[in-house]
PDB file of all heavy atoms in Angstrom:
ATOM      1  N   GLU A   1       0.838  -1.202   0.000  1.00  0.00           N
ATOM      2  CA  GLU A   1       0.000   0.000   0.000  1.00  0.00           C
ATOM      3  C   GLU A   1       0.873   1.252   0.000  1.00  0.00           C
ATOM      4  O   GLU A   1       0.521   2.254  -0.605  1.00  0.00           O
ATOM      5  CB  GLU A   1      -0.910   0.030   1.222  1.00  0.00           C
ATOM      6  CG  GLU A   1      -2.032  -0.969   1.202  1.00  0.00           C
ATOM      7  CD  GLU A   1      -2.831  -0.922   2.488  1.00  0.00           C
ATOM      8  OE1 GLU A   1      -3.334   0.171   2.841  1.00  0.00           O
ATOM      9  OE2 GLU A   1      -2.941  -1.979   3.136  1.00  0.00           O
ATOM     10  N   MET A   2       1.990   1.170   0.719  1.00  0.00           N
ATOM     11  CA  MET A   2       2.957   2.261   0.731  1.00  0.00           C
ATOM     12  C   MET A   2       4.195   1.773  -0.010  1.00  0.00           C
ATOM     13  O   MET A   2       4.679   0.678   0.245  1.00  0.00           O
ATOM     14  CB  MET A   2       3.312   2.665   2.163  1.00  0.00           C
ATOM     15  CG  MET A   2       2.161   3.258   2.934  1.00  0.00           C
ATOM     16  SD  MET A   2       2.655   3.832   4.574  1.00  0.00           S
ATOM     17  CE  MET A   2       3.551   5.316   4.119  1.00  0.00           C
ATOM     18  N   LYS A   3       4.680   2.579  -0.921  1.00  0.00           N
ATOM     19  CA  LYS A   3       5.818   2.218  -1.766  1.00  0.00           C
ATOM     20  C   LYS A   3       7.068   2.975  -1.332  1.00  0.00           C
ATOM     21  O   LYS A   3       6.993   3.971  -0.627  1.00  0.00           O
ATOM     22  CB  LYS A   3       5.514   2.565  -3.224  1.00  0.00           C
ATOM     23  CG  LYS A   3       4.203   2.036  -3.747  1.00  0.00           C
ATOM     24  CD  LYS A   3       4.366   0.658  -4.305  1.00  0.00           C
ATOM     25  CE  LYS A   3       3.099   0.211  -5.002  1.00  0.00           C
ATOM     26  NZ  LYS A   3       2.476  -0.926  -4.433  1.00  0.00           N
ATOM     27  N   LYS A   4       8.194   2.495  -1.836  1.00  0.00           N
ATOM     28  CA  LYS A   4       9.484   3.141  -1.578  1.00  0.00           C
ATOM     29  C   LYS A   4       9.380   4.639  -1.894  1.00  0.00           C
ATOM     30  O   LYS A   4       8.816   5.030  -2.909  1.00  0.00           O
ATOM     31  CB  LYS A   4      10.569   2.499  -2.443  1.00  0.00           C
ATOM     32  CG  LYS A   4      11.942   3.086  -2.232  1.00  0.00           C
ATOM     33  CD  LYS A   4      12.950   2.411  -3.160  1.00  0.00           C
ATOM     34  CE  LYS A   4      14.342   2.924  -2.986  1.00  0.00           C
ATOM     35  NZ  LYS A   4      14.546   4.324  -3.206  1.00  0.00           N
ATOM     36  N   ASP A   5       9.901   5.437  -0.989  1.00  0.00           N
ATOM     37  CA  ASP A   5       9.950   6.900  -1.091  1.00  0.00           C
ATOM     38  C   ASP A   5       8.604   7.604  -0.903  1.00  0.00           C
ATOM     39  O   ASP A   5       8.527   8.815  -1.049  1.00  0.00           O
ATOM     40  CB  ASP A   5      10.601   7.361  -2.403  1.00  0.00           C
ATOM     41  CG  ASP A   5      12.044   6.938  -2.512  1.00  0.00           C
ATOM     42  OD1 ASP A   5      12.733   6.895  -1.463  1.00  0.00           O
ATOM     43  OD2 ASP A   5      12.503   6.632  -3.631  1.00  0.00           O
ATOM     44  N   ASP A   6       7.535   6.858  -0.552  1.00  0.00           N
ATOM     45  CA  ASP A   6       6.281   7.520  -0.183  1.00  0.00           C
ATOM     46  C   ASP A   6       6.518   8.287   1.110  1.00  0.00           C
ATOM     47  O   ASP A   6       7.220   7.813   2.005  1.00  0.00           O
ATOM     48  CB  ASP A   6       5.156   6.514   0.054  1.00  0.00           C
ATOM     49  CG  ASP A   6       4.524   6.002  -1.225  1.00  0.00           C
ATOM     50  OD1 ASP A   6       4.882   6.499  -2.317  1.00  0.00           O
ATOM     51  OD2 ASP A   6       3.670   5.101  -1.132  1.00  0.00           O
ATOM     52  N   LYS A   7       5.928   9.469   1.198  1.00  0.00           N
ATOM     53  CA  LYS A   7       6.111  10.308   2.386  1.00  0.00           C
ATOM     54  C   LYS A   7       5.102   9.925   3.458  1.00  0.00           C
ATOM     55  O   LYS A   7       3.927   9.744   3.168  1.00  0.00           O
ATOM     56  CB  LYS A   7       5.945  11.777   2.015  1.00  0.00           C
ATOM     57  CG  LYS A   7       6.302  12.737   3.134  1.00  0.00           C
ATOM     58  CD  LYS A   7       6.234  14.173   2.653  1.00  0.00           C
ATOM     59  CE  LYS A   7       6.710  15.196   3.640  1.00  0.00           C
ATOM     60  NZ  LYS A   7       6.505  14.956   5.041  1.00  0.00           N
ATOM     61  N   LEU A   8       5.594   9.806   4.682  1.00  0.00           N
ATOM     62  CA  LEU A   8       4.716   9.576   5.828  1.00  0.00           C
ATOM     63  C   LEU A   8       4.191  10.925   6.307  1.00  0.00           C
ATOM     64  O   LEU A   8       4.835  11.960   6.094  1.00  0.00           O
ATOM     65  CB  LEU A   8       5.478   8.904   6.972  1.00  0.00           C
ATOM     66  CG  LEU A   8       5.638   7.384   6.907  1.00  0.00           C
ATOM     67  CD1 LEU A   8       6.523   6.974   5.756  1.00  0.00           C
ATOM     68  CD2 LEU A   8       6.206   6.870   8.198  1.00  0.00           C
ATOM     69  N   PRO A   9       3.048  10.938   6.975  1.00  0.00           N
ATOM     70  CA  PRO A   9       2.559  12.214   7.523  1.00  0.00           C
ATOM     71  C   PRO A   9       3.561  12.738   8.555  1.00  0.00           C
ATOM     72  O   PRO A   9       4.267  11.958   9.195  1.00  0.00           O
ATOM     73  CB  PRO A   9       1.246  11.846   8.205  1.00  0.00           C
ATOM     74  CG  PRO A   9       0.969  10.424   7.903  1.00  0.00           C
ATOM     75  CD  PRO A   9       2.177   9.824   7.289  1.00  0.00           C
ATOM     76  N   SER A  10       3.593  14.035   8.708  1.00  0.00           N
ATOM     77  CA  SER A  10       4.480  14.601   9.724  1.00  0.00           C
ATOM     78  C   SER A  10       4.010  14.156  11.094  1.00  0.00           C
ATOM     79  O   SER A  10       2.858  13.750  11.277  1.00  0.00           O
ATOM     80  CB  SER A  10       4.485  16.133   9.642  1.00  0.00           C
ATOM     81  OG  SER A  10       3.267  16.649  10.148  1.00  0.00           O
ATOM     82  N   VAL A  11       4.898  14.252  12.058  1.00  0.00           N
ATOM     83  CA  VAL A  11       4.564  13.882  13.433  1.00  0.00           C
ATOM     84  C   VAL A  11       3.367  14.695  13.908  1.00  0.00           C
ATOM     85  O   VAL A  11       2.417  14.153  14.483  1.00  0.00           O
ATOM     86  CB  VAL A  11       5.783  14.086  14.369  1.00  0.00           C
ATOM     87  CG1 VAL A  11       5.383  13.952  15.826  1.00  0.00           C
ATOM     88  CG2 VAL A  11       6.890  13.103  14.019  1.00  0.00           C
ATOM     89  N   ARG A  12       3.382  15.978  13.628  1.00  0.00           N
ATOM     90  CA  ARG A  12       2.278  16.850  14.065  1.00  0.00           C
ATOM     91  C   ARG A  12       0.967  16.469  13.396  1.00  0.00           C
ATOM     92  O   ARG A  12      -0.084  16.425  14.042  1.00  0.00           O
ATOM     93  CB  ARG A  12       2.596  18.314  13.769  1.00  0.00           C
ATOM     94  CG  ARG A  12       3.577  18.904  14.716  1.00  0.00           C
ATOM     95  CD  ARG A  12       3.757  20.365  14.446  1.00  0.00           C
ATOM     96  NE  ARG A  12       4.811  20.912  15.287  1.00  0.00           N
ATOM     97  CZ  ARG A  12       5.108  22.174  15.349  1.00  0.00           C
ATOM     98  NH1 ARG A  12       4.462  23.050  14.618  1.00  0.00           N
ATOM     99  NH2 ARG A  12       6.075  22.589  16.146  1.00  0.00           N
ATOM    100  N   GLU A  13       1.005  16.237  12.075  1.00  0.00           N
ATOM    101  CA  GLU A  13      -0.214  15.869  11.345  1.00  0.00           C
ATOM    102  C   GLU A  13      -0.830  14.592  11.912  1.00  0.00           C
ATOM    103  O   GLU A  13      -2.029  14.543  12.196  1.00  0.00           O
ATOM    104  CB  GLU A  13       0.083  15.646   9.862  1.00  0.00           C
ATOM    105  CG  GLU A  13       0.410  16.878   9.074  1.00  0.00           C
ATOM    106  CD  GLU A  13       0.920  16.537   7.674  1.00  0.00           C
ATOM    107  OE1 GLU A  13       1.290  15.387   7.403  1.00  0.00           O
ATOM    108  OE2 GLU A  13       0.935  17.472   6.843  1.00  0.00           O
ATOM    109  N   LEU A  14       0.010  13.563  12.056  1.00  0.00           N
ATOM    110  CA  LEU A  14      -0.508  12.272  12.501  1.00  0.00           C
ATOM    111  C   LEU A  14      -0.967  12.315  13.949  1.00  0.00           C
ATOM    112  O   LEU A  14      -1.999  11.732  14.294  1.00  0.00           O
ATOM    113  CB  LEU A  14       0.542  11.176  12.298  1.00  0.00           C
ATOM    114  CG  LEU A  14       0.061   9.745  12.478  1.00  0.00           C
ATOM    115  CD1 LEU A  14      -1.140   9.444  11.574  1.00  0.00           C
ATOM    116  CD2 LEU A  14       1.183   8.765  12.204  1.00  0.00           C
ATOM    117  N   SER A  15      -0.233  13.019  14.797  1.00  0.00           N
ATOM    118  CA  SER A  15      -0.656  13.095  16.200  1.00  0.00           C
ATOM    119  C   SER A  15      -1.975  13.853  16.318  1.00  0.00           C
ATOM    120  O   SER A  15      -2.830  13.485  17.131  1.00  0.00           O
ATOM    121  CB  SER A  15       0.424  13.736  17.074  1.00  0.00           C
ATOM    122  OG  SER A  15       0.637  15.071  16.729  1.00  0.00           O
ATOM    123  N   ALA A  16      -2.179  14.872  15.498  1.00  0.00           N
ATOM    124  CA  ALA A  16      -3.447  15.607  15.522  1.00  0.00           C
ATOM    125  C   ALA A  16      -4.581  14.729  14.982  1.00  0.00           C
ATOM    126  O   ALA A  16      -5.678  14.689  15.552  1.00  0.00           O
ATOM    127  CB  ALA A  16      -3.332  16.878  14.689  1.00  0.00           C
ATOM    128  N   GLU A  17      -4.306  14.003  13.893  1.00  0.00           N
ATOM    129  CA  GLU A  17      -5.322  13.141  13.284  1.00  0.00           C
ATOM    130  C   GLU A  17      -5.759  12.031  14.237  1.00  0.00           C
ATOM    131  O   GLU A  17      -6.941  11.706  14.329  1.00  0.00           O
ATOM    132  CB  GLU A  17      -4.763  12.521  11.999  1.00  0.00           C
ATOM    133  CG  GLU A  17      -5.736  11.652  11.250  1.00  0.00           C
ATOM    134  CD  GLU A  17      -5.127  11.067   9.995  1.00  0.00           C
ATOM    135  OE1 GLU A  17      -4.376  11.786   9.305  1.00  0.00           O
ATOM    136  OE2 GLU A  17      -5.405   9.888   9.711  1.00  0.00           O
ATOM    137  N   LEU A  18      -4.794  11.445  14.958  1.00  0.00           N
ATOM    138  CA  LEU A  18      -5.104  10.343  15.867  1.00  0.00           C
ATOM    139  C   LEU A  18      -5.409  10.808  17.287  1.00  0.00           C
ATOM    140  O   LEU A  18      -5.779  10.006  18.134  1.00  0.00           O
ATOM    141  CB  LEU A  18      -3.934   9.351  15.907  1.00  0.00           C
ATOM    142  CG  LEU A  18      -3.584   8.669  14.594  1.00  0.00           C
ATOM    143  CD1 LEU A  18      -2.337   7.809  14.756  1.00  0.00           C
ATOM    144  CD2 LEU A  18      -4.750   7.832  14.080  1.00  0.00           C
ATOM    145  N   ALA A  19      -5.224  12.100  17.533  1.00  0.00           N
ATOM    146  CA  ALA A  19      -5.447  12.689  18.862  1.00  0.00           C
ATOM    147  C   ALA A  19      -4.595  11.991  19.927  1.00  0.00           C
ATOM    148  O   ALA A  19      -5.086  11.589  20.984  1.00  0.00           O
ATOM    149  CB  ALA A  19      -6.919  12.668  19.235  1.00  0.00           C
ATOM    150  N   ILE A  20      -3.298  11.842  19.603  1.00  0.00           N
ATOM    151  CA  ILE A  20      -2.361  11.266  20.558  1.00  0.00           C
ATOM    152  C   ILE A  20      -1.127  12.155  20.653  1.00  0.00           C
ATOM    153  O   ILE A  20      -0.890  13.009  19.799  1.00  0.00           O
ATOM    154  CB  ILE A  20      -1.959   9.815  20.200  1.00  0.00           C
ATOM    155  CG1 ILE A  20      -1.350   9.736  18.814  1.00  0.00           C
ATOM    156  CG2 ILE A  20      -3.146   8.882  20.309  1.00  0.00           C
ATOM    157  CD1 ILE A  20      -0.880   8.345  18.437  1.00  0.00           C
ATOM    158  N   ASN A  21      -0.354  11.947  21.677  1.00  0.00           N
ATOM    159  CA  ASN A  21       0.835  12.750  21.945  1.00  0.00           C
ATOM    160  C   ASN A  21       1.848  12.643  20.792  1.00  0.00           C
ATOM    161  O   ASN A  21       2.152  11.540  20.343  1.00  0.00           O
ATOM    162  CB  ASN A  21       1.460  12.248  23.255  1.00  0.00           C
ATOM    163  CG  ASN A  21       2.544  13.160  23.760  1.00  0.00           C
ATOM    164  OD1 ASN A  21       3.442  13.542  23.026  1.00  0.00           O
ATOM    165  ND2 ASN A  21       2.475  13.474  25.042  1.00  0.00           N
ATOM    166  N   PRO A  22       2.396  13.778  20.333  1.00  0.00           N
ATOM    167  CA  PRO A  22       3.399  13.744  19.269  1.00  0.00           C
ATOM    168  C   PRO A  22       4.628  12.889  19.621  1.00  0.00           C
ATOM    169  O   PRO A  22       5.244  12.294  18.736  1.00  0.00           O
ATOM    170  CB  PRO A  22       3.806  15.207  19.101  1.00  0.00           C
ATOM    171  CG  PRO A  22       2.689  15.995  19.662  1.00  0.00           C
ATOM    172  CD  PRO A  22       2.066  15.146  20.728  1.00  0.00           C
ATOM    173  N   ASN A  23       4.977  12.807  20.911  1.00  0.00           N
ATOM    174  CA  ASN A  23       6.115  11.977  21.308  1.00  0.00           C
ATOM    175  C   ASN A  23       5.880  10.501  20.989  1.00  0.00           C
ATOM    176  O   ASN A  23       6.822   9.754  20.703  1.00  0.00           O
ATOM    177  CB  ASN A  23       6.404  12.126  22.806  1.00  0.00           C
ATOM    178  CG  ASN A  23       6.919  13.503  23.140  1.00  0.00           C
ATOM    179  OD1 ASN A  23       7.570  14.150  22.327  1.00  0.00           O
ATOM    180  ND2 ASN A  23       6.619  13.964  24.344  1.00  0.00           N
ATOM    181  N   THR A  24       4.630  10.083  21.020  1.00  0.00           N
ATOM    182  CA  THR A  24       4.278   8.700  20.691  1.00  0.00           C
ATOM    183  C   THR A  24       4.566   8.423  19.216  1.00  0.00           C
ATOM    184  O   THR A  24       5.146   7.389  18.872  1.00  0.00           O
ATOM    185  CB  THR A  24       2.790   8.442  20.999  1.00  0.00           C
ATOM    186  OG1 THR A  24       2.554   8.719  22.384  1.00  0.00           O
ATOM    187  CG2 THR A  24       2.386   7.032  20.673  1.00  0.00           C
ATOM    188  N   ILE A  25       4.197   9.366  18.356  1.00  0.00           N
ATOM    189  CA  ILE A  25       4.461   9.220  16.918  1.00  0.00           C
ATOM    190  C   ILE A  25       5.960   9.272  16.658  1.00  0.00           C
ATOM    191  O   ILE A  25       6.492   8.473  15.883  1.00  0.00           O
ATOM    192  CB  ILE A  25       3.732  10.312  16.102  1.00  0.00           C
ATOM    193  CG1 ILE A  25       2.222  10.285  16.361  1.00  0.00           C
ATOM    194  CG2 ILE A  25       4.042  10.175  14.616  1.00  0.00           C
ATOM    195  CD1 ILE A  25       1.534   8.995  16.021  1.00  0.00           C
ATOM    196  N   SER A  26       6.637  10.186  17.325  1.00  0.00           N
ATOM    197  CA  SER A  26       8.096  10.290  17.165  1.00  0.00           C
ATOM    198  C   SER A  26       8.776   8.978  17.526  1.00  0.00           C
ATOM    199  O   SER A  26       9.690   8.526  16.825  1.00  0.00           O
ATOM    200  CB  SER A  26       8.668  11.403  18.050  1.00  0.00           C
ATOM    201  OG  SER A  26       8.247  12.651  17.601  1.00  0.00           O
ATOM    202  N   ARG A  27       8.338   8.367  18.601  1.00  0.00           N
ATOM    203  CA  ARG A  27       8.934   7.095  19.017  1.00  0.00           C
ATOM    204  C   ARG A  27       8.669   6.008  17.971  1.00  0.00           C
ATOM    205  O   ARG A  27       9.570   5.232  17.631  1.00  0.00           O
ATOM    206  CB  ARG A  27       8.392   6.658  20.365  1.00  0.00           C
ATOM    207  CG  ARG A  27       9.028   5.366  20.836  1.00  0.00           C
ATOM    208  CD  ARG A  27       8.686   5.037  22.252  1.00  0.00           C
ATOM    209  NE  ARG A  27       9.375   3.815  22.660  1.00  0.00           N
ATOM    210  CZ  ARG A  27       9.189   3.223  23.807  1.00  0.00           C
ATOM    211  NH1 ARG A  27       8.357   3.740  24.697  1.00  0.00           N
ATOM    212  NH2 ARG A  27       9.833   2.113  24.093  1.00  0.00           N
ATOM    213  N   ALA A  28       7.458   5.954  17.456  1.00  0.00           N
ATOM    214  CA  ALA A  28       7.125   4.962  16.423  1.00  0.00           C
ATOM    215  C   ALA A  28       8.006   5.172  15.193  1.00  0.00           C
ATOM    216  O   ALA A  28       8.557   4.211  14.634  1.00  0.00           O
ATOM    217  CB  ALA A  28       5.649   5.069  16.047  1.00  0.00           C
ATOM    218  N   TYR A  29       8.165   6.418  14.763  1.00  0.00           N
ATOM    219  CA  TYR A  29       8.996   6.722  13.592  1.00  0.00           C
ATOM    220  C   TYR A  29      10.458   6.351  13.850  1.00  0.00           C
ATOM    221  O   TYR A  29      11.124   5.792  12.987  1.00  0.00           O
ATOM    222  CB  TYR A  29       8.884   8.196  13.220  1.00  0.00           C
ATOM    223  CG  TYR A  29       7.619   8.567  12.461  1.00  0.00           C
ATOM    224  CD1 TYR A  29       6.543   7.691  12.333  1.00  0.00           C
ATOM    225  CD2 TYR A  29       7.487   9.812  11.878  1.00  0.00           C
ATOM    226  CE1 TYR A  29       5.398   8.041  11.643  1.00  0.00           C
ATOM    227  CE2 TYR A  29       6.339  10.175  11.173  1.00  0.00           C
ATOM    228  CZ  TYR A  29       5.300   9.288  11.057  1.00  0.00           C
ATOM    229  OH  TYR A  29       4.169   9.632  10.367  1.00  0.00           O
ATOM    230  N   ARG A  30      10.951   6.658  15.044  1.00  0.00           N
ATOM    231  CA  ARG A  30      12.337   6.314  15.400  1.00  0.00           C
ATOM    232  C   ARG A  30      12.564   4.808  15.315  1.00  0.00           C
ATOM    233  O   ARG A  30      13.559   4.340  14.762  1.00  0.00           O
ATOM    234  CB  ARG A  30      12.646   6.795  16.820  1.00  0.00           C
ATOM    235  CG  ARG A  30      13.683   7.856  16.916  1.00  0.00           C
ATOM    236  CD  ARG A  30      14.120   8.205  18.343  1.00  0.00           C
ATOM    237  NE  ARG A  30      13.294   7.800  19.458  1.00  0.00           N
ATOM    238  CZ  ARG A  30      12.315   8.525  19.997  1.00  0.00           C
ATOM    239  NH1 ARG A  30      12.021   9.712  19.509  1.00  0.00           N
ATOM    240  NH2 ARG A  30      11.636   8.070  21.033  1.00  0.00           N
ATOM    241  N   GLU A  31      11.636   4.054  15.885  1.00  0.00           N
ATOM    242  CA  GLU A  31      11.745   2.589  15.884  1.00  0.00           C
ATOM    243  C   GLU A  31      11.646   2.034  14.465  1.00  0.00           C
ATOM    244  O   GLU A  31      12.391   1.124  14.108  1.00  0.00           O
ATOM    245  CB  GLU A  31      10.659   1.969  16.771  1.00  0.00           C
ATOM    246  CG  GLU A  31      10.797   2.297  18.241  1.00  0.00           C
ATOM    247  CD  GLU A  31      11.955   1.577  18.910  1.00  0.00           C
ATOM    248  OE1 GLU A  31      12.279   0.451  18.515  1.00  0.00           O
ATOM    249  OE2 GLU A  31      12.542   2.166  19.830  1.00  0.00           O
TER     250      GLU A  31
END
């Protein structure tokens, strides 16, 4: 569904969309 070089939503965008802490998204992206 996601291909090489597809852009992920920014940490702020995704945290706002999911209504969760941006640090949670940052940790997921780091991992």
